[in-house]
C-alpha atoms as a PDB file:
ATOM      1  CA  UNK A   1      11.196  14.577 -11.782  1.00  0.00           C
ATOM      2  CA  UNK A   2      12.156  16.713  -8.796  1.00  0.00           C
ATOM      3  CA  UNK A   3       9.584  17.697  -6.185  1.00  0.00           C
ATOM      4  CA  UNK A   4      10.635  20.636  -4.000  1.00  0.00           C
ATOM      5  CA  UNK A   5       9.510  21.170  -0.435  1.00  0.00           C
ATOM      6  CA  UNK A   6      10.167  23.724   2.282  1.00  0.00           C
ATOM      7  CA  UNK A   7       9.456  21.418   5.162  1.00  0.00           C
ATOM      8  CA  UNK A   8      10.219  20.522   8.744  1.00  0.00           C
ATOM      9  CA  UNK A   9      13.005  18.046   8.054  1.00  0.00           C
ATOM     10  CA  UNK A  10      13.607  17.595  11.754  1.00  0.00           C
ATOM     11  CA  UNK A  11      10.794  15.026  11.661  1.00  0.00           C
ATOM     12  CA  UNK A  12      12.604  11.780  10.932  1.00  0.00           C
ATOM     13  CA  UNK A  13       9.439   9.991   9.835  1.00  0.00           C
ATOM     14  CA  UNK A  14       8.824  12.478   7.051  1.00  0.00           C
ATOM     15  CA  UNK A  15      12.337  11.881   5.753  1.00  0.00           C
ATOM     16  CA  UNK A  16      11.696   8.130   5.751  1.00  0.00           C
ATOM     17  CA  UNK A  17       8.361   8.509   3.946  1.00  0.00           C
ATOM     18  CA  UNK A  18       9.853  10.753   1.256  1.00  0.00           C
ATOM     19  CA  UNK A  19      12.777   8.370   0.799  1.00  0.00           C
ATOM     20  CA  UNK A  20      10.442   5.373   0.431  1.00  0.00           C
ATOM     21  CA  UNK A  21       8.621   6.953  -2.519  1.00  0.00           C
ATOM     22  CA  UNK A  22      11.847   8.195  -4.110  1.00  0.00           C
ATOM     23  CA  UNK A  23      13.813   4.949  -3.732  1.00  0.00           C
ATOM     24  CA  UNK A  24      11.875   2.960  -6.348  1.00  0.00           C
ATOM     25  CA  UNK A  25      10.676   5.746  -8.679  1.00  0.00           C
ATOM     26  CA  UNK A  26      12.286   8.423 -10.826  1.00  0.00           C
ATOM     27  CA  UNK A  27      11.197  11.089  -8.321  1.00  0.00           C
ATOM     28  CA  UNK A  28      13.566  13.211  -6.258  1.00  0.00           C
ATOM     29  CA  UNK A  29      12.045  14.887  -3.206  1.00  0.00           C
ATOM     30  CA  UNK A  30      14.293  17.705  -2.026  1.00  0.00           C
ATOM     31  CA  UNK A  31      14.108  20.655   0.333  1.00  0.00           C
ATOM     32  CA  UNK A  32      13.955  23.992  -1.472  1.00  0.00           C
ATOM     33  CA  UNK A  33      12.324  26.988   0.211  1.00  0.00           C
ATOM     34  CA  UNK A  34      12.745  29.188  -2.874  1.00  0.00           C
ATOM     35  CA  UNK A  35      11.075  26.966  -5.495  1.00  0.00           C
ATOM     36  CA  UNK A  36       8.162  28.545  -7.363  1.00  0.00           C
ATOM     37  CA  UNK A  37       6.061  25.362  -7.380  1.00  0.00           C
ATOM     38  CA  UNK A  38       6.424  23.458  -4.150  1.00  0.00           C
ATOM     39  CA  UNK A  39       4.754  21.404  -1.445  1.00  0.00           C
ATOM     40  CA  UNK A  40       4.757  22.923   2.017  1.00  0.00           C
ATOM     41  CA  UNK A  41       4.447  20.401   4.805  1.00  0.00           C
ATOM     42  CA  UNK A  42       2.845  21.655   7.996  1.00  0.00           C
ATOM     43  CA  UNK A  43       1.624  20.368  11.305  1.00  0.00           C
ATOM     44  CA  UNK A  44      -2.153  20.644  11.414  1.00  0.00           C
ATOM     45  CA  UNK A  45      -5.319  19.498  13.163  1.00  0.00           C
ATOM     46  CA  UNK A  46      -5.985  16.834  10.517  1.00  0.00           C
ATOM     47  CA  UNK A  47      -4.222  14.668   7.933  1.00  0.00           C
ATOM     48  CA  UNK A  48      -4.796  16.277   4.557  1.00  0.00           C
ATOM     49  CA  UNK A  49      -3.296  16.734   1.107  1.00  0.00           C
ATOM     50  CA  UNK A  50      -4.531  17.899  -2.277  1.00  0.00           C
ATOM     51  CA  UNK A  51      -4.369  15.325  -5.066  1.00  0.00           C
ATOM     52  CA  UNK A  52      -1.671  15.996  -7.645  1.00  0.00           C
ATOM     53  CA  UNK A  53       0.251  19.113  -8.586  1.00  0.00           C
ATOM     54  CA  UNK A  54      -1.681  22.300  -7.861  1.00  0.00           C
ATOM     55  CA  UNK A  55       0.946  24.881  -8.845  1.00  0.00           C
ATOM     56  CA  UNK A  56       2.613  27.526  -6.670  1.00  0.00           C
ATOM     57  CA  UNK A  57       2.525  26.478  -3.001  1.00  0.00           C
ATOM     58  CA  UNK A  58       0.330  23.561  -1.962  1.00  0.00           C
ATOM     59  CA  UNK A  59       0.087  22.055   1.466  1.00  0.00           C
ATOM     60  CA  UNK A  60       0.304  18.721   3.207  1.00  0.00           C
ATOM     61  CA  UNK A  61      -1.011  18.844   6.763  1.00  0.00           C
ATOM     62  CA  UNK A  62       0.224  16.246   9.244  1.00  0.00           C
ATOM     63  CA  UNK A  63      -1.613  15.829  12.555  1.00  0.00           C
ATOM     64  CA  UNK A  64      -0.338  14.064  15.651  1.00  0.00           C
ATOM     65  CA  UNK A  65      -2.385  10.954  14.819  1.00  0.00           C
ATOM     66  CA  UNK A  66      -0.743  10.513  11.412  1.00  0.00           C
ATOM     67  CA  UNK A  67       2.929  11.035  12.240  1.00  0.00           C
ATOM     68  CA  UNK A  68       3.784   7.405  11.408  1.00  0.00           C
ATOM     69  CA  UNK A  69       5.857   6.719   8.298  1.00  0.00           C
ATOM     70  CA  UNK A  70       2.998   4.859   6.629  1.00  0.00           C
ATOM     71  CA  UNK A  71       0.458   7.618   7.248  1.00  0.00           C
ATOM     72  CA  UNK A  72       2.829  10.244   5.848  1.00  0.00           C
ATOM     73  CA  UNK A  73       3.470   8.020   2.808  1.00  0.00           C
ATOM     74  CA  UNK A  74      -0.316   8.004   2.309  1.00  0.00           C
ATOM     75  CA  UNK A  75      -0.525  11.811   2.300  1.00  0.00           C
ATOM     76  CA  UNK A  76       2.504  12.079   0.024  1.00  0.00           C
ATOM     77  CA  UNK A  77       0.749   9.626  -2.294  1.00  0.00           C
ATOM     78  CA  UNK A  78      -2.083  12.128  -2.664  1.00  0.00           C
ATOM     79  CA  UNK A  79       0.374  14.933  -3.464  1.00  0.00           C
ATOM     80  CA  UNK A  80       1.958  12.696  -6.111  1.00  0.00           C
ATOM     81  CA  UNK A  81      -1.445  12.246  -7.761  1.00  0.00           C
ATOM     82  CA  UNK A  82      -3.018   9.177  -6.149  1.00  0.00           C
ATOM     83  CA  UNK A  83      -6.688   9.097  -5.167  1.00  0.00           C
ATOM     84  CA  UNK A  84      -8.056   6.814  -2.472  1.00  0.00           C
ATOM     85  CA  UNK A  85      -8.204   3.285  -3.856  1.00  0.00           C
ATOM     86  CA  UNK A  86     -11.755   2.796  -2.580  1.00  0.00           C
ATOM     87  CA  UNK A  87     -12.782   5.785  -4.738  1.00  0.00           C
ATOM     88  CA  UNK A  88     -11.642   4.205  -8.018  1.00  0.00           C
ATOM     89  CA  UNK A  89     -14.234   4.273 -10.805  1.00  0.00           C
ATOM     90  CA  UNK A  90     -14.299   0.448 -10.867  1.00  0.00           C
ATOM     91  CA  UNK A  91     -14.525  -0.030  -7.084  1.00  0.00           C
ATOM     92  CA  UNK A  92     -18.054  -1.506  -7.185  1.00  0.00           C
ATOM     93  CA  UNK A  93     -16.630  -4.667  -8.739  1.00  0.00           C
ATOM     94  CA  UNK A  94     -14.322  -5.198  -5.763  1.00  0.00           C
ATOM     95  CA  UNK A  95     -15.920  -3.684  -2.651  1.00  0.00           C
ATOM     96  CA  UNK A  96     -19.265  -2.787  -1.164  1.00  0.00           C
ATOM     97  CA  UNK A  97     -19.564   0.564   0.634  1.00  0.00           C
ATOM     98  CA  UNK A  98     -22.051   0.403   3.523  1.00  0.00           C
ATOM     99  CA  UNK A  99     -23.134   4.042   3.346  1.00  0.00           C
ATOM    100  CA  UNK A 100     -25.659   3.811   6.189  1.00  0.00           C
ATOM    101  CA  UNK A 101     -22.798   3.029   8.601  1.00  0.00           C
ATOM    102  CA  UNK A 102     -20.617   6.024   7.656  1.00  0.00           C
ATOM    103  CA  UNK A 103     -20.570   9.045   9.951  1.00  0.00           C
ATOM    104  CA  UNK A 104     -22.339  11.863   8.127  1.00  0.00           C
ATOM    105  CA  UNK A 105     -19.393  14.288   8.131  1.00  0.00           C
ATOM    106  CA  UNK A 106     -17.121  11.720   6.450  1.00  0.00           C
ATOM    107  CA  UNK A 107     -19.395  10.463   3.674  1.00  0.00           C
ATOM    108  CA  UNK A 108     -17.575  12.592   1.103  1.00  0.00           C
ATOM    109  CA  UNK A 109     -14.490  10.429   1.736  1.00  0.00           C
ATOM    110  CA  UNK A 110     -16.261   7.511   0.059  1.00  0.00           C
ATOM    111  CA  UNK A 111     -17.244   9.066  -3.265  1.00  0.00           C
ATOM    112  CA  UNK A 112     -16.504   7.407  -6.581  1.00  0.00           C
ATOM    113  CA  UNK A 113     -14.334   8.909  -9.312  1.00  0.00           C
ATOM    114  CA  UNK A 114     -15.009   8.571 -13.041  1.00  0.00           C
ATOM    115  CA  UNK A 115     -12.824   6.986 -15.687  1.00  0.00           C
ATOM    116  CA  UNK A 116     -12.795  10.344 -17.487  1.00  0.00           C
ATOM    117  CA  UNK A 117     -11.206  12.153 -14.516  1.00  0.00           C
ATOM    118  CA  UNK A 118      -8.762   9.454 -13.441  1.00  0.00           C
ATOM    119  CA  UNK A 119      -6.408   6.912 -14.987  1.00  0.00           C
ATOM    120  CA  UNK A 120      -5.700   3.550 -13.352  1.00  0.00           C
ATOM    121  CA  UNK A 121      -3.028   2.717 -15.977  1.00  0.00           C
ATOM    122  CA  UNK A 122      -4.541  -0.790 -16.336  1.00  0.00           C
ATOM    123  CA  UNK A 123      -3.289  -1.626 -12.846  1.00  0.00           C
ATOM    124  CA  UNK A 124      -5.670  -3.972 -11.025  1.00  0.00           C
ATOM    125  CA  UNK A 125      -7.575  -3.024  -7.885  1.00  0.00           C
ATOM    126  CA  UNK A 126      -5.263  -3.389  -4.885  1.00  0.00           C
ATOM    127  CA  UNK A 127      -6.800  -4.233  -1.498  1.00  0.00           C
ATOM    128  CA  UNK A 128      -3.360  -3.754   0.056  1.00  0.00           C
ATOM    129  CA  UNK A 129      -2.731  -0.271  -1.341  1.00  0.00           C
ATOM    130  CA  UNK A 130      -1.421   2.321   1.088  1.00  0.00           C
ATOM    131  CA  UNK A 131      -4.164   4.562  -0.338  1.00  0.00           C
ATOM    132  CA  UNK A 132      -7.015   2.283   0.825  1.00  0.00           C
ATOM    133  CA  UNK A 133      -9.062   2.997   3.966  1.00  0.00           C
ATOM    134  CA  UNK A 134      -9.498   0.226   6.511  1.00  0.00           C
ATOM    135  CA  UNK A 135     -12.762  -1.680   6.679  1.00  0.00           C
ATOM    136  CA  UNK A 136     -14.071   0.081   9.808  1.00  0.00           C
ATOM    137  CA  UNK A 137     -12.847   3.653   9.338  1.00  0.00           C
ATOM    138  CA  UNK A 138     -15.406   6.383  10.132  1.00  0.00           C
ATOM    139  CA  UNK A 139     -18.032   3.785  11.061  1.00  0.00           C
ATOM    140  CA  UNK A 140     -21.066   4.715  13.169  1.00  0.00           C
ATOM    141  CA  UNK A 141     -21.207   1.182  14.577  1.00  0.00           C
ATOM    142  CA  UNK A 142     -17.567   0.225  15.119  1.00  0.00           C
ATOM    143  CA  UNK A 143     -18.468  -3.473  15.223  1.00  0.00           C
ATOM    144  CA  UNK A 144     -19.677  -3.375  11.618  1.00  0.00           C
ATOM    145  CA  UNK A 145     -17.579  -2.596   8.543  1.00  0.00           C
ATOM    146  CA  UNK A 146     -17.921   0.332   6.190  1.00  0.00           C
ATOM    147  CA  UNK A 147     -15.986  -1.384   3.387  1.00  0.00           C
ATOM    148  CA  UNK A 148     -16.537  -5.061   2.554  1.00  0.00           C
ATOM    149  CA  UNK A 149     -14.308  -6.869   0.022  1.00  0.00           C
ATOM    150  CA  UNK A 150     -16.682  -8.345  -2.553  1.00  0.00           C
ATOM    151  CA  UNK A 151     -14.634 -11.082  -4.107  1.00  0.00           C
ATOM    152  CA  UNK A 152     -12.841 -12.388  -1.021  1.00  0.00           C
ATOM    153  CA  UNK A 153     -13.649 -11.363   2.564  1.00  0.00           C
ATOM    154  CA  UNK A 154     -10.281 -12.719   3.744  1.00  0.00           C
ATOM    155  CA  UNK A 155      -8.918  -9.385   2.526  1.00  0.00           C
ATOM    156  CA  UNK A 156     -10.791  -7.509   5.285  1.00  0.00           C
ATOM    157  CA  UNK A 157      -7.746  -7.115   7.557  1.00  0.00           C
ATOM    158  CA  UNK A 158      -5.559  -6.195   4.586  1.00  0.00           C
ATOM    159  CA  UNK A 159      -7.602  -3.043   3.945  1.00  0.00           C
ATOM    160  CA  UNK A 160      -6.067   0.080   5.433  1.00  0.00           C
ATOM    161  CA  UNK A 161      -2.504  -1.193   5.646  1.00  0.00           C
ATOM    162  CA  UNK A 162       0.172   1.481   5.812  1.00  0.00           C
ATOM    163  CA  UNK A 163       2.918  -0.220   3.840  1.00  0.00           C
ATOM    164  CA  UNK A 164       3.747   0.907   0.295  1.00  0.00           C
ATOM    165  CA  UNK A 165       2.580  -1.872  -1.997  1.00  0.00           C
ATOM    166  CA  UNK A 166       4.279  -2.989  -5.179  1.00  0.00           C
ATOM    167  CA  UNK A 167       1.278  -1.787  -7.197  1.00  0.00           C
ATOM    168  CA  UNK A 168       1.413   1.640  -5.499  1.00  0.00           C
ATOM    169  CA  UNK A 169       4.980   2.034  -6.724  1.00  0.00           C
ATOM    170  CA  UNK A 170       4.096   0.732 -10.176  1.00  0.00           C
ATOM    171  CA  UNK A 171       1.244   3.254 -10.445  1.00  0.00           C
ATOM    172  CA  UNK A 172       3.468   6.230  -9.610  1.00  0.00           C
ATOM    173  CA  UNK A 173       6.148   5.017 -12.000  1.00  0.00           C
ATOM    174  CA  UNK A 174       3.596   4.824 -14.800  1.00  0.00           C
ATOM    175  CA  UNK A 175       2.082   8.190 -13.888  1.00  0.00           C
ATOM    176  CA  UNK A 176       5.455   9.956 -14.142  1.00  0.00           C
ATOM    177  CA  UNK A 177       6.617   7.917 -17.153  1.00  0.00           C
ATOM    178  CA  UNK A 178       9.545   6.473 -15.218  1.00  0.00           C
ATOM    179  CA  UNK A 179       9.550   2.977 -16.702  1.00  0.00           C
ATOM    180  CA  UNK A 180      11.122   3.904 -20.035  1.00  0.00           C
ATOM    181  CA  UNK A 181      14.268   5.361 -18.498  1.00  0.00           C
ATOM    182  CA  UNK A 182      16.217   2.099 -18.232  1.00  0.00           C
ATOM    183  CA  UNK A 183      15.909   0.680 -21.745  1.00  0.00           C
ATOM    184  CA  UNK A 184      15.325  -2.983 -20.757  1.00  0.00           C
ATOM    185  CA  UNK A 185      18.968  -3.636 -19.880  1.00  0.00           C
ATOM    186  CA  UNK A 186      17.859  -6.515 -17.628  1.00  0.00           C
ATOM    187  CA  UNK A 187      14.770  -8.733 -17.505  1.00  0.00           C
ATOM    188  CA  UNK A 188      12.782  -8.794 -14.252  1.00  0.00           C
ATOM    189  CA  UNK A 189      11.121 -12.052 -13.217  1.00  0.00           C
ATOM    190  CA  UNK A 190       7.763 -12.448 -11.492  1.00  0.00           C
ATOM    191  CA  UNK A 191       6.392  -9.221 -13.014  1.00  0.00           C
ATOM    192  CA  UNK A 192       8.906  -6.950 -11.337  1.00  0.00           C
ATOM    193  CA  UNK A 193      10.106  -3.811 -13.111  1.00  0.00           C
ATOM    194  CA  UNK A 194      13.467  -2.098 -13.523  1.00  0.00           C
ATOM    195  CA  UNK A 195      14.227   0.450 -10.844  1.00  0.00           C
ATOM    196  CA  UNK A 196      14.548   3.883 -12.493  1.00  0.00           C
ATOM    197  CA  UNK A 197      17.006   4.860  -9.745  1.00  0.00           C
ATOM    198  CA  UNK A 198      19.234   1.861 -10.466  1.00  0.00           C
ATOM    199  CA  UNK A 199      18.640   0.155 -13.803  1.00  0.00           C
ATOM    200  CA  UNK A 200      20.803  -2.835 -12.834  1.00  0.00           C
ATOM    201  CA  UNK A 201      18.199  -4.022 -10.331  1.00  0.00           C
ATOM    202  CA  UNK A 202      14.470  -4.680 -10.268  1.00  0.00           C
ATOM    203  CA  UNK A 203      11.673  -3.538  -7.997  1.00  0.00           C
ATOM    204  CA  UNK A 204      10.030  -6.798  -6.934  1.00  0.00           C
ATOM    205  CA  UNK A 205       6.571  -7.791  -5.691  1.00  0.00           C
ATOM    206  CA  UNK A 206       6.647  -8.507  -1.958  1.00  0.00           C
ATOM    207  CA  UNK A 207       7.890 -12.023  -1.280  1.00  0.00           C
ATOM    208  CA  UNK A 208      10.444 -11.950  -4.103  1.00  0.00           C
ATOM    209  CA  UNK A 209      14.005 -10.702  -4.122  1.00  0.00           C
ATOM    210  CA  UNK A 210      17.372 -10.666  -5.810  1.00  0.00           C
ATOM    211  CA  UNK A 211      18.505  -8.264  -8.537  1.00  0.00           C
ATOM    212  CA  UNK A 212      15.952  -9.720 -10.990  1.00  0.00           C
ATOM    213  CA  UNK A 213      13.196 -10.941  -8.585  1.00  0.00           C
ATOM    214  CA  UNK A 214      13.990 -14.594  -9.317  1.00  0.00           C
ATOM    215  CA  UNK A 215      14.842 -15.797  -5.823  1.00  0.00           C
ATOM    216  CA  UNK A 216      12.160 -18.279  -4.789  1.00  0.00           C
ATOM    217  CA  UNK A 217      11.673 -21.879  -3.728  1.00  0.00           C
ATOM    218  CA  UNK A 218      12.186 -24.672  -6.313  1.00  0.00           C
ATOM    219  CA  UNK A 219       9.170 -25.622  -8.407  1.00  0.00           C
ATOM    220  CA  UNK A 220       6.974 -28.349  -6.958  1.00  0.00           C
ATOM    221  CA  UNK A 221       3.400 -28.984  -6.015  1.00  0.00           C
ATOM    222  CA  UNK A 222       0.952 -26.435  -4.671  1.00  0.00           C
ATOM    223  CA  UNK A 223       1.529 -25.277  -1.110  1.00  0.00           C
ATOM    224  CA  UNK A 224      -0.984 -25.286   1.742  1.00  0.00           C
ATOM    225  CA  UNK A 225      -0.347 -23.076   4.772  1.00  0.00           C
ATOM    226  CA  UNK A 226      -2.311 -23.004   8.032  1.00  0.00           C
ATOM    227  CA  UNK A 227      -2.154 -20.394  10.804  1.00  0.00           C
ATOM    228  CA  UNK A 228      -1.796 -22.368  14.025  1.00  0.00           C
ATOM    229  CA  UNK A 229      -1.462 -19.426  16.408  1.00  0.00           C
ATOM    230  CA  UNK A 230      -1.013 -15.666  16.535  1.00  0.00           C
ATOM    231  CA  UNK A 231       0.122 -13.844  19.671  1.00  0.00           C
ATOM    232  CA  UNK A 232       0.528 -10.100  19.543  1.00  0.00           C
ATOM    233  CA  UNK A 233      -0.415  -6.686  20.856  1.00  0.00           C
ATOM    234  CA  UNK A 234      -1.059  -5.312  17.375  1.00  0.00           C
ATOM    235  CA  UNK A 235      -4.562  -6.596  16.636  1.00  0.00           C
ATOM    236  CA  UNK A 236      -5.960  -3.659  14.688  1.00  0.00           C
ATOM    237  CA  UNK A 237      -7.668  -2.823  11.416  1.00  0.00           C
ATOM    238  CA  UNK A 238      -5.205  -2.871   8.542  1.00  0.00           C
ATOM    239  CA  UNK A 239      -2.663  -4.839  10.603  1.00  0.00           C
ATOM    240  CA  UNK A 240      -0.568  -1.684  10.492  1.00  0.00           C
ATOM    241  CA  UNK A 241       1.910  -2.459  13.290  1.00  0.00           C
ATOM    242  CA  UNK A 242       2.684  -6.131  12.729  1.00  0.00           C
ATOM    243  CA  UNK A 243       1.282  -9.183  10.996  1.00  0.00           C
ATOM    244  CA  UNK A 244       1.768 -12.002   8.560  1.00  0.00           C
ATOM    245  CA  UNK A 245       1.024 -11.617   4.848  1.00  0.00           C
ATOM    246  CA  UNK A 246       0.309 -14.732   2.768  1.00  0.00           C
ATOM    247  CA  UNK A 247       0.289 -14.421  -1.023  1.00  0.00           C
ATOM    248  CA  UNK A 248      -1.934 -17.244  -2.248  1.00  0.00           C
ATOM    249  CA  UNK A 249      -3.408 -15.356  -5.222  1.00  0.00           C
ATOM    250  CA  UNK A 250      -2.504 -15.978  -8.859  1.00  0.00           C
ATOM    251  CA  UNK A 251      -1.354 -12.404  -9.590  1.00  0.00           C
ATOM    252  CA  UNK A 252       1.680 -12.043  -7.345  1.00  0.00           C
ATOM    253  CA  UNK A 253       1.839  -8.288  -7.903  1.00  0.00           C
ATOM    254  CA  UNK A 254      -1.038  -7.925  -5.450  1.00  0.00           C
ATOM    255  CA  UNK A 255      -0.620  -7.598  -1.702  1.00  0.00           C
ATOM    256  CA  UNK A 256      -1.563 -10.886  -0.060  1.00  0.00           C
ATOM    257  CA  UNK A 257      -3.966 -11.624   2.778  1.00  0.00           C
ATOM    258  CA  UNK A 258      -2.819  -9.997   6.031  1.00  0.00           C
ATOM    259  CA  UNK A 259      -3.563 -11.438   9.466  1.00  0.00           C
ATOM    260  CA  UNK A 260      -2.759 -10.084  12.925  1.00  0.00           C
ATOM    261  CA  UNK A 261      -5.535 -11.295  15.247  1.00  0.00           C
ATOM    262  CA  UNK A 262      -5.824 -14.409  17.412  1.00  0.00           C
ATOM    263  CA  UNK A 263      -9.240 -14.758  15.760  1.00  0.00           C
ATOM    264  CA  UNK A 264      -7.396 -15.706  12.557  1.00  0.00           C
ATOM    265  CA  UNK A 265      -6.195 -18.967  14.126  1.00  0.00           C
ATOM    266  CA  UNK A 266      -7.043 -21.914  11.895  1.00  0.00           C
ATOM    267  CA  UNK A 267      -7.155 -19.991   8.602  1.00  0.00           C
ATOM    268  CA  UNK A 268      -5.941 -22.304   5.836  1.00  0.00           C
ATOM    269  CA  UNK A 269      -4.865 -21.139   2.383  1.00  0.00           C
ATOM    270  CA  UNK A 270      -3.735 -23.045  -0.703  1.00  0.00           C
ATOM    271  CA  UNK A 271      -1.528 -21.412  -3.302  1.00  0.00           C
ATOM    272  CA  UNK A 272      -2.911 -20.872  -6.786  1.00  0.00           C
ATOM    273  CA  UNK A 273       0.382 -22.020  -8.263  1.00  0.00           C
ATOM    274  CA  UNK A 274       3.672 -23.576  -7.207  1.00  0.00           C
ATOM    275  CA  UNK A 275       4.751 -20.776  -4.896  1.00  0.00           C
ATOM    276  CA  UNK A 276       3.280 -19.172  -1.799  1.00  0.00           C
ATOM    277  CA  UNK A 277       5.299 -16.329  -0.240  1.00  0.00           C
ATOM    278  CA  UNK A 278       4.774 -15.779   3.498  1.00  0.00           C
ATOM    279  CA  UNK A 279       5.949 -12.378   4.767  1.00  0.00           C
ATOM    280  CA  UNK A 280       6.123 -11.534   8.467  1.00  0.00           C
ATOM    281  CA  UNK A 281       6.518  -7.818   9.227  1.00  0.00           C
ATOM    282  CA  UNK A 282       6.877  -5.837  12.423  1.00  0.00           C
ATOM    283  CA  UNK A 283       7.318  -2.147  13.249  1.00  0.00           C
ATOM    284  CA  UNK A 284       8.512  -2.749  16.779  1.00  0.00           C
ATOM    285  CA  UNK A 285       5.635  -4.368  18.658  1.00  0.00           C
ATOM    286  CA  UNK A 286       5.606  -7.839  20.189  1.00  0.00           C
ATOM    287  CA  UNK A 287       4.364 -10.390  17.659  1.00  0.00           C
ATOM    288  CA  UNK A 288       4.496 -14.152  17.326  1.00  0.00           C
ATOM    289  CA  UNK A 289       2.993 -16.371  14.638  1.00  0.00           C
ATOM    290  CA  UNK A 290       3.087 -20.144  14.194  1.00  0.00           C
ATOM    291  CA  UNK A 291       2.317 -21.644  10.795  1.00  0.00           C
ATOM    292  CA  UNK A 292       2.156 -25.130   9.334  1.00  0.00           C
ATOM    293  CA  UNK A 293       2.723 -25.823   5.661  1.00  0.00           C
ATOM    294  CA  UNK A 294       2.771 -28.805   3.323  1.00  0.00           C
ATOM    295  CA  UNK A 295       2.707 -29.715  -0.359  1.00  0.00           C
ATOM    296  CA  UNK A 296      -0.712 -30.741  -1.651  1.00  0.00           C
END
């Protein structure tokens, strides 16, 4: 599918955001001022996009505070049809919304969709989705969260990340029926899927690589990892600038736990299986992490 946009291509970050969505989907995002149905990208006072195709000309507004690649990817996600993750119809199983701590003018941002209006394509709830708000966004009392992970509070810092997750890409590929374009010419390990842009390679969950997602450590015992120290200037909700992600959960498609604060020192995790990917990421800020690991 081709999505046409008359936009300000001089903004390098918008190019990067568009390329990130297009790289692992069957979408092509191109500049075309004369298209009948198109997305017009504009600088505005807020960060805003309609959800899904509206027909004719629809807008994406990018404010100064959301000029980062990840924030633009979030707004593009809306235009491609994605709702906020914390507004999924099944969200009450996975998070608590503390409504009394939400600023009045932003309470509409925390509504809940219905299963009749939306389709999750049987993709599980993703705390690490680029479409999820952080735990403290729009809070009245900034020391108390608005969103609390129900099943595992260690996901608190993961909420609000601005990195495209594997499940974000899988959702868009299912929404646009991209996955049937390759014809199963190769088999992807670790629940990866064939890349519609290049059927000879797979799109892999974070922590896995290689053409078929099969590069990983040899099988052995379970792995225990402990955070001994974190030094950085990126301690913020969502760990958006830098952090360490540890994937201890059974379903490796999910984003793992993210940590970026000295307060996380001493956190110990044990893998649910024989593998435990540890991913350190950085967008250009100073960051240092020391970990200890052993077989258990």
